[in-house]
Amino acid sequence: MHPRRVGYETRAYDAERSPHSRERALAALAGRQHGVVAREQLRRLGLGRDAVRRRIEAGRLLRLYDGVYAAGHFALTADSRRMAAVLACGPGALLSHRAAGALWGCVRAPAALEVTTPRSRRPRPGIVMHRSRLIHPDDRAVIRAIPVTGAARTVVDLTTFSTTKAWRARCTRLPGRSGRHRLHRVLAAYRTDPRFTRSEGERRFVALCARHGLPLPQTNLWIGRYEVDAYWPDARLVVEIDGDRSLRVTWRDLDAGPELARELSAIRSSRLAPRAAGGPAAGSPPAPACA
């Protein structure tokens, strides 16, 4: 009788479950997304929590934001960081405002990345989040695989950071461009849309700014770790309605409309003057407290 042979147990994987196929799928995904991936995408590839943890410990996934990783290295491009910011803000998010303008090639890249999301999200460091409950399909575009606001939506968002007079001046500087006449007509018919507000106090504050000729602030957006009621990016000025941070505005202040408008105008002017002489760049996150 022959002795019983001892051999190795082998395990067969189908093409979908093979570890090698998952690695190839991960590499292909990262290649399409400028070297960054999201945790939910890894889960759909069949990589569970333990598999992701092992890759992080081995240095094959490097954390950029909560749930967003660079695949194997930190040699990230500007597009890598844009893609990572969009992924960090969840499904439906779009690169927007000045960050979108830079991707479209019409403005310089801002210091902080700006992303518009269809729902409230936890703040992410280095990302300015804007919430828009309605994002029309025509407002969505993709440039170099990065979800971004469409050209028309981006132009509208950029008007937040400049006056109508400045846009007309840009048209004047481009006498040979056929599109400038159309933009002139749009500017002539433009009416500012109501800002997203959550309370009667916020609505009264926006109305007060409009009534007294102040630029309308952005409202209810995240800046760093803070969600603020009203924000002027050009002056880096934050206003809290009945809040305890920044410039505090009470209902009594709202009743004294002209006095509050003059105070806001003076504060904006004092904050814009140092920047005209080379102070902090526009769009930098403000300190949580201001005069």
Protein backbone atom coordinates (compact mmCIF):
# COMPACT_ATOMS: atom_id res chain seq x y z
CA MET A 1 0.00 0.00 0.00
CA HIS A 2 1.36 3.38 -0.99
CA PRO A 3 1.65 6.13 1.64
CA ARG A 4 -0.91 8.86 1.44
CA ARG A 5 0.38 11.90 -0.40
CA VAL A 6 0.47 15.30 1.26
CA GLY A 7 -0.24 18.31 -0.95
CA TYR A 8 -1.18 21.96 -0.77
CA GLU A 9 -4.76 23.09 -0.72
CA THR A 10 -5.54 25.43 -3.57
CA ARG A 11 -8.41 27.87 -3.77
CA ALA A 12 -9.92 28.95 -7.06
CA TYR A 13 -11.24 32.48 -7.54
CA ASP A 14 -13.47 33.60 -10.29
CA ALA A 15 -12.48 36.68 -12.23
CA GLU A 16 -14.62 38.96 -10.05
CA ARG A 17 -13.25 37.75 -6.69
CA SER A 18 -9.58 37.41 -7.58
CA PRO A 19 -7.33 39.63 -5.40
CA HIS A 20 -5.33 40.44 -8.50
CA SER A 21 -8.42 41.57 -10.38
CA ARG A 22 -9.36 43.85 -7.48
CA GLU A 23 -5.92 45.42 -7.50
CA ARG A 24 -6.17 45.96 -11.24
CA ALA A 25 -9.63 47.50 -10.80
CA LEU A 26 -8.32 49.76 -8.02
CA ALA A 27 -5.37 50.87 -10.17
CA ALA A 28 -7.70 51.57 -13.10
CA LEU A 29 -10.09 53.58 -10.91
CA ALA A 30 -7.26 55.66 -9.44
CA GLY A 31 -5.88 56.23 -12.92
CA ARG A 32 -9.21 57.65 -14.09
CA GLN A 33 -9.50 59.91 -11.03
CA HIS A 34 -6.06 61.53 -10.91
CA GLY A 35 -4.75 59.05 -8.36
CA VAL A 36 -7.47 59.40 -5.69
CA VAL A 37 -10.32 57.12 -4.62
CA ALA A 38 -13.21 57.18 -2.14
CA ARG A 39 -14.06 54.58 0.49
CA GLU A 40 -17.48 53.91 -1.05
CA GLN A 41 -15.83 53.21 -4.40
CA LEU A 42 -13.47 50.74 -2.73
CA ARG A 43 -16.43 49.00 -1.12
CA ARG A 44 -18.06 48.60 -4.53
CA LEU A 45 -14.84 46.98 -5.75
CA GLY A 46 -15.22 44.36 -3.03
CA LEU A 47 -12.69 45.83 -0.58
CA GLY A 48 -14.14 45.68 2.92
CA ARG A 49 -13.11 47.63 5.99
CA ASP A 50 -10.28 45.26 6.92
CA ALA A 51 -8.91 45.24 3.37
CA VAL A 52 -8.87 49.04 3.31
CA ARG A 53 -7.22 49.16 6.74
CA ARG A 54 -4.47 46.77 5.64
CA ARG A 55 -3.74 48.91 2.58
CA ILE A 56 -3.57 52.04 4.73
CA GLU A 57 -1.15 50.36 7.16
CA ALA A 58 0.98 49.18 4.24
CA GLY A 59 1.11 52.69 2.77
CA ARG A 60 -0.80 51.71 -0.37
CA LEU A 61 -3.66 54.07 0.51
CA LEU A 62 -2.86 57.50 1.97
CA ARG A 63 -5.61 59.49 3.69
CA LEU A 64 -6.43 62.91 2.23
CA TYR A 65 -9.86 63.45 3.80
CA ASP A 66 -12.14 61.25 5.83
CA GLY A 67 -13.01 58.46 3.38
CA VAL A 68 -10.80 59.75 0.54
CA TYR A 69 -7.35 58.35 -0.23
CA ALA A 70 -4.44 58.82 -2.57
CA ALA A 71 -3.40 55.55 -4.20
CA GLY A 72 0.18 54.94 -3.12
CA HIS A 73 1.79 58.41 -3.05
CA PHE A 74 1.33 62.07 -2.16
CA ALA A 75 2.67 63.42 -5.48
CA LEU A 76 -0.69 65.01 -6.22
CA THR A 77 -1.50 67.42 -9.02
CA ALA A 78 -3.95 70.32 -8.86
CA ASP A 79 -6.53 68.05 -10.52
CA SER A 80 -5.87 65.36 -7.89
CA ARG A 81 -6.74 67.81 -5.13
CA ARG A 82 -9.83 69.02 -6.99
CA MET A 83 -11.07 65.46 -7.45
CA ALA A 84 -10.34 64.62 -3.80
CA ALA A 85 -12.34 67.65 -2.62
CA VAL A 86 -15.35 66.64 -4.73
CA LEU A 87 -15.19 63.04 -3.51
CA ALA A 88 -14.91 64.23 0.10
CA CYS A 89 -18.19 66.13 -0.21
CA GLY A 90 -20.22 63.09 -1.21
CA PRO A 91 -22.52 62.05 -4.07
CA GLY A 92 -23.75 64.83 -6.30
CA ALA A 93 -21.04 67.28 -5.27
CA LEU A 94 -19.53 69.63 -7.86
CA LEU A 95 -16.41 71.74 -7.93
CA SER A 96 -17.80 75.28 -8.02
CA HIS A 97 -17.28 79.05 -7.79
CA ARG A 98 -13.64 80.18 -8.14
CA ALA A 99 -12.32 76.61 -8.10
CA ALA A 100 -14.62 75.81 -11.03
CA GLY A 101 -13.61 79.03 -12.75
CA ALA A 102 -9.97 77.98 -12.49
CA LEU A 103 -10.80 74.56 -13.95
CA TRP A 104 -12.66 76.24 -16.83
CA GLY A 105 -9.59 78.44 -17.29
CA CYS A 106 -11.21 81.83 -16.68
CA VAL A 107 -9.83 82.81 -13.25
CA ARG A 108 -6.77 82.05 -11.16
CA ALA A 109 -6.86 79.08 -8.83
CA PRO A 110 -8.05 80.10 -5.34
CA ALA A 111 -6.28 79.21 -2.10
CA ALA A 112 -9.23 77.14 -0.87
CA LEU A 113 -11.22 74.67 -2.96
CA GLU A 114 -14.94 75.41 -3.28
CA VAL A 115 -17.54 72.68 -3.70
CA THR A 116 -21.32 72.87 -4.07
CA THR A 117 -23.33 70.03 -2.54
CA PRO A 118 -27.05 69.21 -2.71
CA ARG A 119 -27.22 68.62 1.06
CA SER A 120 -25.48 69.70 4.25
CA ARG A 121 -22.19 67.94 4.94
CA ARG A 122 -19.68 67.96 7.74
CA PRO A 123 -16.97 70.56 7.11
CA ARG A 124 -13.71 69.44 5.53
CA PRO A 125 -10.39 71.23 6.12
CA GLY A 126 -9.36 73.38 3.18
CA ILE A 127 -12.77 73.15 1.48
CA VAL A 128 -15.39 75.92 1.36
CA MET A 129 -18.77 74.23 0.97
CA HIS A 130 -21.82 75.81 -0.63
CA ARG A 131 -25.20 74.15 -0.29
CA SER A 132 -27.63 74.27 -3.21
CA ARG A 133 -30.83 72.31 -2.79
CA LEU A 134 -31.51 72.38 -6.53
CA ILE A 135 -28.78 71.58 -9.05
CA HIS A 136 -30.24 71.36 -12.55
CA PRO A 137 -28.75 68.67 -14.84
CA ASP A 138 -27.70 71.45 -17.23
CA ASP A 139 -25.60 72.92 -14.39
CA ARG A 140 -23.44 69.80 -14.26
CA ALA A 141 -20.34 69.23 -16.38
CA VAL A 142 -17.21 67.07 -16.32
CA ILE A 143 -13.75 68.40 -17.13
CA ARG A 144 -10.84 65.95 -17.12
CA ALA A 145 -13.08 63.50 -15.19
CA ILE A 146 -13.79 66.07 -12.43
CA PRO A 147 -17.48 66.88 -11.75
CA VAL A 148 -17.82 70.65 -12.00
CA THR A 149 -20.54 73.26 -12.38
CA GLY A 150 -21.38 74.05 -16.00
CA ALA A 151 -19.98 77.12 -17.69
CA ALA A 152 -23.13 79.24 -17.26
CA ARG A 153 -23.59 78.25 -13.60
CA THR A 154 -19.92 78.96 -12.94
CA VAL A 155 -20.19 82.46 -14.42
CA VAL A 156 -23.25 83.15 -12.24
CA ASP A 157 -21.44 81.89 -9.14
CA LEU A 158 -18.40 84.04 -9.96
CA THR A 159 -20.56 87.17 -9.90
CA THR A 160 -20.67 86.66 -6.12
CA PHE A 161 -17.07 87.85 -5.99
CA SER A 162 -17.39 90.83 -8.32
CA THR A 163 -19.79 93.68 -8.99
CA THR A 164 -21.97 94.18 -12.06
CA LYS A 165 -19.86 97.24 -12.85
CA ALA A 166 -16.72 95.08 -12.91
CA TRP A 167 -18.36 92.60 -15.30
CA ARG A 168 -19.39 95.43 -17.63
CA ALA A 169 -15.81 96.72 -17.51
CA ARG A 170 -14.58 93.27 -18.59
CA CYS A 171 -16.92 93.41 -21.58
CA THR A 172 -15.58 96.85 -22.49
CA ARG A 173 -12.02 95.49 -22.48
CA LEU A 174 -13.03 92.83 -25.03
CA PRO A 175 -14.42 94.85 -27.95
CA GLY A 176 -13.82 92.15 -30.54
CA ARG A 177 -15.61 89.30 -28.74
CA SER A 178 -19.01 88.45 -30.20
CA GLY A 179 -20.34 87.15 -26.87
CA ARG A 180 -19.91 90.44 -25.04
CA HIS A 181 -23.21 91.85 -26.38
CA ARG A 182 -25.11 88.84 -25.06
CA LEU A 183 -23.42 89.21 -21.66
CA HIS A 184 -24.34 92.91 -21.65
CA ARG A 185 -28.01 91.96 -22.19
CA VAL A 186 -27.84 89.37 -19.40
CA LEU A 187 -26.33 91.92 -17.01
CA ALA A 188 -28.98 94.47 -17.94
CA ALA A 189 -31.76 92.00 -17.09
CA TYR A 190 -30.02 90.47 -14.07
CA ARG A 191 -31.83 90.40 -10.76
CA THR A 192 -30.14 88.82 -7.76
CA ASP A 193 -31.86 85.61 -6.69
CA PRO A 194 -32.97 85.35 -3.06
CA ARG A 195 -30.27 83.94 -0.83
CA PHE A 196 -30.92 80.68 1.02
CA THR A 197 -31.98 81.68 4.53
CA ARG A 198 -33.17 79.66 7.50
CA SER A 199 -34.74 82.30 9.73
CA GLU A 200 -36.68 85.54 9.70
CA GLY A 201 -33.63 87.31 11.11
CA GLU A 202 -31.47 86.16 8.19
CA ARG A 203 -34.12 87.22 5.67
CA ARG A 204 -34.36 90.66 7.26
CA PHE A 205 -30.57 90.99 7.22
CA VAL A 206 -30.30 90.19 3.48
CA ALA A 207 -33.17 92.58 2.76
CA LEU A 208 -31.43 95.30 4.78
CA CYS A 209 -28.23 94.89 2.73
CA ALA A 210 -30.18 95.14 -0.52
CA ARG A 211 -32.18 98.15 0.67
CA HIS A 212 -29.08 100.13 1.63
CA GLY A 213 -26.97 99.26 -1.42
CA LEU A 214 -24.55 96.83 0.25
CA PRO A 215 -23.29 93.83 -1.76
CA LEU A 216 -25.39 90.82 -0.85
CA PRO A 217 -23.48 88.30 1.26
CA GLN A 218 -23.33 84.55 0.80
CA THR A 219 -25.52 82.90 3.41
CA ASN A 220 -25.48 79.65 5.35
CA LEU A 221 -22.26 78.14 4.09
CA TRP A 222 -19.38 76.21 5.67
CA ILE A 223 -15.98 77.86 6.03
CA GLY A 224 -13.49 75.47 7.55
CA ARG A 225 -15.09 74.09 10.74
CA TYR A 226 -17.73 76.79 10.96
CA GLU A 227 -21.15 77.22 9.37
CA VAL A 228 -21.77 80.96 9.11
CA ASP A 229 -24.95 82.96 8.57
CA ALA A 230 -23.54 85.61 6.23
CA TYR A 231 -20.14 85.99 4.56
CA TRP A 232 -18.52 88.56 2.25
CA PRO A 233 -15.53 86.77 0.64
CA ASP A 234 -13.94 89.98 -0.67
CA ALA A 235 -13.77 91.54 2.81
CA ARG A 236 -13.36 88.22 4.66
CA LEU A 237 -16.21 89.42 6.87
CA VAL A 238 -18.52 87.03 8.72
CA VAL A 239 -21.80 88.09 10.33
CA GLU A 240 -23.78 85.93 12.75
CA ILE A 241 -27.46 86.72 13.22
CA ASP A 242 -28.05 86.40 16.99
CA GLY A 243 -24.84 84.35 17.15
CA ASP A 244 -21.86 84.46 19.47
CA ARG A 245 -19.09 84.54 16.85
CA SER A 246 -17.85 87.31 14.58
CA LEU A 247 -19.95 90.46 14.22
CA ARG A 248 -23.09 89.80 16.26
CA VAL A 249 -26.34 91.25 14.89
CA THR A 250 -29.43 91.30 17.11
CA TRP A 251 -33.06 92.00 16.29
CA ARG A 252 -32.63 95.48 17.80
CA ASP A 253 -29.79 96.11 15.31
CA LEU A 254 -32.05 95.03 12.45
CA ASP A 255 -34.70 97.53 13.60
CA ALA A 256 -32.06 100.28 13.42
CA GLY A 257 -31.46 99.61 9.71
CA PRO A 258 -29.53 102.69 8.47
CA GLU A 259 -27.13 102.67 11.44
CA LEU A 260 -26.35 98.96 10.95
CA ALA A 261 -25.88 99.46 7.20
CA ARG A 262 -23.39 102.28 7.83
CA GLU A 263 -21.48 100.15 10.35
CA LEU A 264 -21.29 97.21 7.93
CA SER A 265 -20.13 99.48 5.11
CA ALA A 266 -17.40 100.94 7.34
CA ILE A 267 -16.21 97.49 8.42
CA ARG A 268 -16.13 96.24 4.83
CA SER A 269 -14.17 99.29 3.72
CA SER A 270 -11.66 98.94 6.55
CA ARG A 271 -11.12 95.27 5.70
CA LEU A 272 -10.77 95.83 1.95
CA ALA A 273 -8.28 98.70 2.32
CA PRO A 274 -5.36 96.62 3.73
CA ARG A 275 -5.81 94.02 0.97
CA ALA A 276 -5.62 96.71 -1.69
CA ALA A 277 -2.18 97.46 -0.23
CA GLY A 278 -1.11 93.80 -0.38
CA GLY A 279 -2.92 92.20 2.56
CA PRO A 280 -4.42 88.66 2.74
CA ALA A 281 -5.76 87.21 -0.53
CA ALA A 282 -9.48 87.12 -1.17
CA GLY A 283 -11.18 83.87 -0.37
CA SER A 284 -8.89 82.88 2.49
CA PRO A 285 -10.95 81.42 5.34
CA PRO A 286 -11.68 84.15 7.89
CA ALA A 287 -10.79 83.98 11.54
CA PRO A 288 -13.84 82.91 13.56
CA ALA A 289 -13.97 86.33 15.26
CA CYS A 290 -13.90 89.76 13.65
CA ALA A 291 -14.31 93.33 14.78
